[in-house]
N, C-alpha and C. Protein backbone atom coordinates (compact mmCIF):
# COMPACT_ATOMS: atom_id res chain seq x y z
N MET A 1 0.85 -1.06 0.04
CA MET A 1 0.03 0.07 0.07
C MET A 1 0.92 1.08 -0.03
N GLY A 2 0.24 2.29 -0.12
CA GLY A 2 0.92 3.57 -0.11
C GLY A 2 0.01 4.65 -0.78
N TYR A 3 0.71 5.88 -0.73
CA TYR A 3 -0.08 6.96 -1.36
C TYR A 3 0.48 7.26 -2.55
N TYR A 4 -0.22 7.22 -3.63
CA TYR A 4 0.21 7.38 -5.12
C TYR A 4 -0.23 8.80 -5.56
N SER A 5 0.70 9.46 -6.41
CA SER A 5 0.70 10.68 -7.15
C SER A 5 0.92 10.56 -8.62
N ASP A 6 0.33 11.63 -9.33
CA ASP A 6 0.83 11.89 -10.70
C ASP A 6 1.75 13.14 -10.57
N VAL A 7 2.89 12.97 -11.33
CA VAL A 7 3.76 14.01 -11.14
C VAL A 7 4.33 14.47 -12.61
N ALA A 8 4.37 15.72 -12.75
CA ALA A 8 4.91 16.31 -13.87
C ALA A 8 6.15 17.28 -13.79
N LEU A 9 7.34 16.92 -14.15
CA LEU A 9 8.39 17.93 -13.90
C LEU A 9 8.91 18.27 -15.29
N THR A 10 8.90 19.73 -15.76
CA THR A 10 9.37 20.31 -16.88
C THR A 10 10.59 21.06 -16.70
N LEU A 11 11.52 20.79 -17.47
CA LEU A 11 12.91 21.44 -17.34
C LEU A 11 13.25 21.95 -18.56
N ARG A 12 14.21 22.93 -18.80
CA ARG A 12 14.94 23.30 -20.05
C ARG A 12 15.45 22.03 -20.40
N LYS A 13 15.80 21.87 -21.81
CA LYS A 13 16.07 20.65 -22.25
C LYS A 13 17.52 20.39 -21.73
N GLU A 14 18.47 21.28 -21.89
CA GLU A 14 19.75 21.09 -21.38
C GLU A 14 19.86 20.64 -19.79
N ASP A 15 18.92 21.23 -19.05
CA ASP A 15 18.87 20.77 -17.49
C ASP A 15 18.35 19.48 -17.39
N ALA A 16 17.39 18.99 -18.45
CA ALA A 16 16.93 17.65 -18.31
C ALA A 16 17.88 16.62 -18.70
N VAL A 17 18.74 16.97 -19.67
CA VAL A 17 19.88 16.01 -20.04
C VAL A 17 20.82 15.91 -18.98
N GLU A 18 21.25 17.02 -18.29
CA GLU A 18 22.20 17.15 -17.23
C GLU A 18 21.55 16.24 -16.05
N LEU A 19 20.28 16.41 -15.71
CA LEU A 19 19.65 15.38 -14.91
C LEU A 19 19.79 14.05 -14.88
N VAL A 20 19.57 13.70 -16.24
CA VAL A 20 19.70 12.18 -16.58
C VAL A 20 21.17 11.59 -16.27
N ARG A 21 22.15 12.46 -16.87
CA ARG A 21 23.49 12.22 -16.82
C ARG A 21 24.12 12.16 -15.42
N LYS A 22 23.50 13.13 -14.60
CA LYS A 22 24.04 13.09 -13.18
C LYS A 22 23.25 11.97 -12.45
N ALA A 23 22.19 11.54 -12.59
CA ALA A 23 21.42 10.48 -11.87
C ALA A 23 22.11 9.29 -12.22
N LYS A 24 22.41 8.90 -13.52
CA LYS A 24 23.11 7.80 -13.92
C LYS A 24 24.42 7.55 -13.16
N VAL A 25 25.12 8.57 -12.81
CA VAL A 25 26.31 8.40 -12.15
C VAL A 25 26.31 8.41 -10.62
N GLU A 26 25.35 9.20 -10.12
CA GLU A 26 25.25 9.49 -8.71
C GLU A 26 24.28 8.86 -7.93
N CYS A 27 23.16 8.52 -8.67
CA CYS A 27 21.92 8.02 -7.91
C CYS A 27 21.22 7.15 -8.86
N GLU A 28 21.51 5.77 -8.78
CA GLU A 28 20.88 4.83 -9.54
C GLU A 28 19.35 4.74 -9.42
N SER A 29 18.75 4.92 -8.24
CA SER A 29 17.48 4.92 -7.90
C SER A 29 16.75 6.07 -8.61
N ALA A 30 17.40 7.23 -8.67
CA ALA A 30 16.74 8.29 -9.51
C ALA A 30 16.82 8.17 -10.86
N TYR A 31 17.98 7.48 -11.56
CA TYR A 31 17.99 7.05 -12.90
C TYR A 31 16.78 6.27 -13.13
N LYS A 32 16.68 5.26 -12.24
CA LYS A 32 15.38 4.25 -12.49
C LYS A 32 14.17 4.97 -12.51
N THR A 33 14.06 5.91 -11.69
CA THR A 33 12.78 6.73 -11.52
C THR A 33 12.58 7.63 -12.95
N LEU A 34 13.48 8.02 -13.25
CA LEU A 34 13.65 9.05 -14.70
C LEU A 34 13.14 8.03 -15.91
N SER A 35 13.76 6.87 -15.77
CA SER A 35 13.62 5.86 -16.84
C SER A 35 12.19 5.26 -16.90
N ALA A 36 11.61 5.31 -15.91
CA ALA A 36 10.12 4.91 -15.82
C ALA A 36 9.04 6.10 -16.23
N ALA A 37 9.70 7.21 -16.46
CA ALA A 37 8.80 8.46 -16.68
C ALA A 37 8.37 8.22 -18.01
N LYS A 38 7.20 8.79 -18.65
CA LYS A 38 6.89 9.21 -19.84
C LYS A 38 7.58 10.48 -20.13
N ILE A 39 8.35 10.61 -21.21
CA ILE A 39 9.37 11.78 -21.51
C ILE A 39 8.75 12.45 -22.83
N VAL A 40 8.36 13.89 -22.57
CA VAL A 40 7.83 14.64 -23.73
C VAL A 40 8.79 15.69 -24.00
N ASP A 41 9.05 15.89 -25.33
CA ASP A 41 9.90 16.84 -25.95
C ASP A 41 9.00 17.93 -26.35
N HIS A 42 9.19 19.18 -25.73
CA HIS A 42 8.63 20.45 -26.20
C HIS A 42 9.43 21.36 -26.93
N ASP A 43 10.40 20.80 -27.64
CA ASP A 43 11.55 21.68 -28.19
C ASP A 43 12.40 22.13 -27.11
N GLU A 44 12.34 23.24 -26.57
CA GLU A 44 13.43 23.67 -25.63
C GLU A 44 13.25 23.27 -24.25
N TYR A 45 12.03 22.64 -24.00
CA TYR A 45 11.66 21.86 -22.66
C TYR A 45 11.50 20.48 -22.86
N VAL A 46 11.58 19.74 -21.79
CA VAL A 46 11.37 18.45 -21.50
C VAL A 46 10.57 18.21 -20.37
N SER A 47 9.43 17.37 -20.43
CA SER A 47 8.70 17.10 -19.47
C SER A 47 8.80 15.64 -19.02
N PHE A 48 8.97 15.32 -17.69
CA PHE A 48 9.01 13.85 -17.18
C PHE A 48 7.63 13.80 -16.74
N LEU A 49 6.92 12.59 -17.01
CA LEU A 49 5.66 12.48 -16.44
C LEU A 49 5.61 10.93 -15.73
N TRP A 50 4.97 11.27 -14.47
CA TRP A 50 4.78 9.87 -13.90
C TRP A 50 3.42 9.85 -13.36
N TYR A 51 2.72 8.58 -13.59
CA TYR A 51 1.43 8.29 -13.01
C TYR A 51 1.59 7.35 -12.09
N SER A 52 0.78 7.45 -10.86
CA SER A 52 0.86 6.46 -9.75
C SER A 52 2.13 6.20 -9.12
N ILE A 53 2.85 7.18 -8.85
CA ILE A 53 4.22 6.95 -8.30
C ILE A 53 4.16 7.43 -6.82
N LYS A 54 4.93 6.65 -6.12
CA LYS A 54 5.08 7.01 -4.64
C LYS A 54 6.02 8.29 -4.68
N TRP A 55 5.54 9.52 -4.53
CA TRP A 55 6.45 10.64 -4.52
C TRP A 55 6.82 11.04 -3.14
N TYR A 56 7.57 10.16 -2.41
CA TYR A 56 8.04 10.46 -1.14
C TYR A 56 9.36 10.88 -1.06
N HIS A 57 9.90 11.18 0.32
CA HIS A 57 11.24 11.41 0.53
C HIS A 57 12.16 10.34 0.33
N PHE A 58 12.19 9.62 -0.57
CA PHE A 58 13.22 8.54 -0.89
C PHE A 58 14.38 9.15 -1.61
N ASP A 59 15.29 8.35 -1.68
CA ASP A 59 16.63 8.89 -2.23
C ASP A 59 16.26 9.51 -3.72
N ASP A 60 15.49 8.60 -4.57
CA ASP A 60 15.10 8.95 -5.79
C ASP A 60 14.56 10.44 -6.00
N VAL A 61 13.54 10.65 -5.18
CA VAL A 61 12.75 11.84 -5.23
C VAL A 61 13.57 13.02 -4.71
N VAL A 62 14.30 12.68 -3.63
CA VAL A 62 15.15 13.82 -3.16
C VAL A 62 16.14 14.17 -4.19
N PHE A 63 16.66 13.31 -4.86
CA PHE A 63 17.78 13.58 -5.73
C PHE A 63 17.24 14.46 -6.99
N ILE A 64 16.08 14.10 -7.53
CA ILE A 64 15.39 14.86 -8.41
C ILE A 64 15.05 16.14 -8.10
N THR A 65 14.33 16.39 -6.81
CA THR A 65 13.84 17.72 -6.51
C THR A 65 15.08 18.54 -6.04
N ASN A 66 16.04 17.86 -5.56
CA ASN A 66 17.22 18.74 -5.26
C ASN A 66 17.91 19.36 -6.43
N PHE A 67 17.96 18.55 -7.53
CA PHE A 67 18.37 18.96 -8.78
C PHE A 67 17.51 20.13 -9.32
N CYS A 68 16.06 19.91 -9.27
CA CYS A 68 15.33 21.02 -9.66
C CYS A 68 15.61 22.40 -9.04
N HIS A 69 15.72 22.21 -7.82
CA HIS A 69 15.98 23.55 -6.91
C HIS A 69 17.22 24.43 -7.24
N GLU A 70 18.27 23.50 -7.85
CA GLU A 70 19.59 24.16 -8.27
C GLU A 70 19.16 24.81 -9.72
N CYS A 71 18.28 24.54 -10.39
CA CYS A 71 17.89 25.09 -11.90
C CYS A 71 17.34 26.40 -11.61
N ASP A 72 17.77 27.43 -12.78
CA ASP A 72 17.15 28.77 -12.80
C ASP A 72 15.54 28.60 -13.02
N ASP A 73 15.34 27.43 -13.88
CA ASP A 73 13.86 27.37 -14.34
C ASP A 73 13.48 26.13 -14.10
N TYR A 74 12.30 25.84 -13.78
CA TYR A 74 11.73 24.45 -13.58
C TYR A 74 10.25 24.46 -13.14
N SER A 75 9.47 23.52 -13.49
CA SER A 75 7.98 23.46 -13.03
C SER A 75 7.78 22.06 -12.70
N LEU A 76 7.29 22.07 -11.26
CA LEU A 76 7.04 20.53 -10.72
C LEU A 76 5.69 20.65 -10.09
N LYS A 77 4.79 19.79 -10.71
CA LYS A 77 3.39 19.71 -10.35
C LYS A 77 3.15 18.27 -9.86
N ARG A 78 2.30 18.07 -8.78
CA ARG A 78 2.01 16.94 -8.18
C ARG A 78 0.45 16.66 -7.91
N ILE A 79 -0.27 15.79 -8.28
CA ILE A 79 -1.57 15.53 -7.99
C ILE A 79 -1.68 14.27 -7.01
N GLY A 80 -2.17 14.44 -5.87
CA GLY A 80 -2.24 13.29 -4.94
C GLY A 80 -3.56 12.66 -5.14
N GLU A 81 -3.72 11.58 -4.28
CA GLU A 81 -4.97 10.73 -4.33
C GLU A 81 -6.22 11.49 -3.97
N GLU A 82 -5.94 12.33 -2.90
CA GLU A 82 -7.17 13.11 -2.44
C GLU A 82 -7.32 14.25 -3.33
N TYR A 83 -8.54 14.64 -3.54
CA TYR A 83 -9.04 15.58 -4.61
C TYR A 83 -8.28 16.94 -4.33
N SER A 84 -8.11 17.54 -3.09
CA SER A 84 -7.53 18.77 -2.77
C SER A 84 -6.09 18.83 -2.79
N ASP A 85 -5.32 17.55 -2.87
CA ASP A 85 -3.89 17.36 -2.82
C ASP A 85 -3.24 17.76 -3.98
N ILE A 86 -2.98 18.84 -4.20
CA ILE A 86 -2.40 19.43 -5.46
C ILE A 86 -1.25 20.35 -5.00
N ASP A 87 0.00 20.07 -5.61
CA ASP A 87 1.04 20.98 -5.47
C ASP A 87 1.53 21.39 -6.75
N GLU A 88 1.91 22.78 -6.78
CA GLU A 88 2.61 23.27 -8.00
C GLU A 88 3.72 24.09 -7.22
N GLU A 89 4.88 24.00 -8.00
CA GLU A 89 6.15 24.65 -7.70
C GLU A 89 6.78 25.09 -8.98
N MET A 90 7.20 26.22 -8.87
CA MET A 90 7.90 26.83 -10.01
C MET A 90 9.27 27.49 -9.60
N GLY A 91 10.31 27.30 -10.34
CA GLY A 91 11.61 27.93 -10.13
C GLY A 91 11.73 29.06 -11.34
N GLY A 92 12.04 30.26 -11.09
CA GLY A 92 12.13 31.04 -12.22
C GLY A 92 10.81 31.85 -12.62
N GLU A 93 10.89 32.51 -13.84
CA GLU A 93 9.69 33.10 -14.21
C GLU A 93 9.46 32.68 -15.82
N ASP A 94 9.57 31.55 -16.09
CA ASP A 94 9.46 31.09 -17.48
C ASP A 94 8.05 30.39 -17.51
N TYR A 95 7.04 31.39 -17.74
CA TYR A 95 5.67 30.92 -17.72
C TYR A 95 5.57 29.98 -18.97
N ASP A 96 6.25 29.95 -19.98
CA ASP A 96 5.96 29.15 -21.22
C ASP A 96 6.32 27.46 -20.65
N MET A 97 7.27 27.40 -19.90
CA MET A 97 7.58 26.20 -19.25
C MET A 97 6.46 25.72 -18.39
N ALA A 98 5.79 26.62 -17.56
CA ALA A 98 4.91 26.16 -16.79
C ALA A 98 3.55 25.70 -17.51
N ASP A 99 3.38 26.26 -18.58
CA ASP A 99 2.27 25.86 -19.57
C ASP A 99 2.40 24.62 -20.43
N CYS A 100 3.70 24.09 -20.22
CA CYS A 100 4.07 22.82 -20.94
C CYS A 100 3.00 21.53 -20.35
N CYS A 101 2.72 21.58 -19.01
CA CYS A 101 1.90 20.54 -18.41
C CYS A 101 0.99 21.40 -17.41
N MET A 102 -0.30 21.16 -17.66
CA MET A 102 -1.23 21.76 -16.92
C MET A 102 -2.13 20.82 -16.08
N ILE A 103 -2.42 21.21 -14.75
CA ILE A 103 -3.29 20.40 -14.06
C ILE A 103 -4.79 20.67 -14.41
N VAL A 104 -5.41 19.60 -14.85
CA VAL A 104 -6.96 19.67 -15.18
C VAL A 104 -7.88 18.55 -14.51
N ARG A 105 -8.55 19.08 -13.82
CA ARG A 105 -9.53 18.18 -13.44
C ARG A 105 -11.02 18.46 -13.84
N ASP A 106 -11.48 17.43 -14.38
CA ASP A 106 -12.83 17.62 -15.03
C ASP A 106 -13.79 16.41 -15.01
N PHE A 107 -14.90 16.60 -15.57
CA PHE A 107 -15.93 15.52 -15.62
C PHE A 107 -16.14 14.96 -16.96
N GLU A 108 -16.16 13.59 -17.06
CA GLU A 108 -16.41 12.86 -18.44
C GLU A 108 -17.76 12.41 -18.14
N ILE A 109 -18.73 12.57 -18.86
CA ILE A 109 -20.07 12.07 -18.69
C ILE A 109 -20.26 11.10 -19.78
N GLY A 110 -20.74 9.89 -19.26
CA GLY A 110 -20.84 8.67 -19.99
C GLY A 110 -22.09 8.66 -21.12
N SER A 111 -22.61 7.59 -21.65
CA SER A 111 -23.56 7.82 -22.71
C SER A 111 -24.78 8.77 -22.27
N SER A 112 -25.13 9.43 -23.37
CA SER A 112 -25.94 10.51 -23.03
C SER A 112 -27.01 10.76 -24.28
N LYS A 113 -28.37 11.11 -23.90
CA LYS A 113 -29.31 11.22 -24.93
C LYS A 113 -29.10 12.85 -25.51
N GLY A 114 -28.37 13.60 -24.94
CA GLY A 114 -28.07 15.02 -25.28
C GLY A 114 -28.36 15.81 -23.90
N GLU A 115 -28.39 17.25 -24.23
CA GLU A 115 -28.70 18.00 -23.10
C GLU A 115 -30.13 18.38 -22.98
N LEU A 116 -30.51 18.67 -21.58
CA LEU A 116 -31.81 19.10 -21.27
C LEU A 116 -31.72 20.44 -20.67
N THR A 117 -32.91 21.12 -20.95
CA THR A 117 -33.05 22.60 -20.33
C THR A 117 -33.79 22.04 -18.98
N ILE A 118 -33.75 23.14 -18.19
CA ILE A 118 -34.34 22.93 -16.98
C ILE A 118 -36.02 22.79 -17.11
N ASP A 119 -36.51 23.60 -18.06
CA ASP A 119 -37.95 23.30 -18.39
C ASP A 119 -38.23 21.93 -19.02
N LYS A 120 -37.43 21.49 -19.81
CA LYS A 120 -37.75 20.03 -20.41
C LYS A 120 -37.51 19.04 -19.33
N LEU A 121 -36.57 19.23 -18.42
CA LEU A 121 -36.44 18.30 -17.18
C LEU A 121 -37.71 18.34 -16.32
N ALA A 122 -38.22 19.54 -16.27
CA ALA A 122 -39.59 19.52 -15.14
C ALA A 122 -40.71 18.86 -15.81
N GLN A 123 -40.80 18.75 -17.24
CA GLN A 123 -41.80 18.24 -17.81
C GLN A 123 -41.68 16.72 -18.09
N GLU A 124 -40.55 16.21 -17.74
CA GLU A 124 -40.39 14.80 -18.03
C GLU A 124 -41.27 13.94 -17.01
N GLU A 125 -41.83 12.97 -17.65
CA GLU A 125 -42.88 12.06 -16.80
C GLU A 125 -41.80 10.94 -16.26
N HIS A 126 -42.26 10.27 -15.32
CA HIS A 126 -41.56 9.21 -14.68
C HIS A 126 -42.05 8.00 -15.00
């Protein structure tokens, strides 16, 4: 058991390359965690995406977050299991970077006959 989160980390591409290189040499667990991410190329930025990860203060997470805090620009977003458990952290003022991954909570409605107006609903027979 444990508490799982969805996490998005966006870095400048050169910082992402350095993070991977540094993790490979200095922290095997961080390298494995980075390897498990979905990695998205945004031209000058790179996003690492993890779904259902235990984002605790283990060696891998500490290594990755410490690296981020040393970067001039980064965007780190986490969505926890609880609806209100959302963290957004940004280093620098590169708002284009922050927009690479956005937190969205929405509804998907299953099968539907279409929309009703309040008046139509009131006239429905049971």
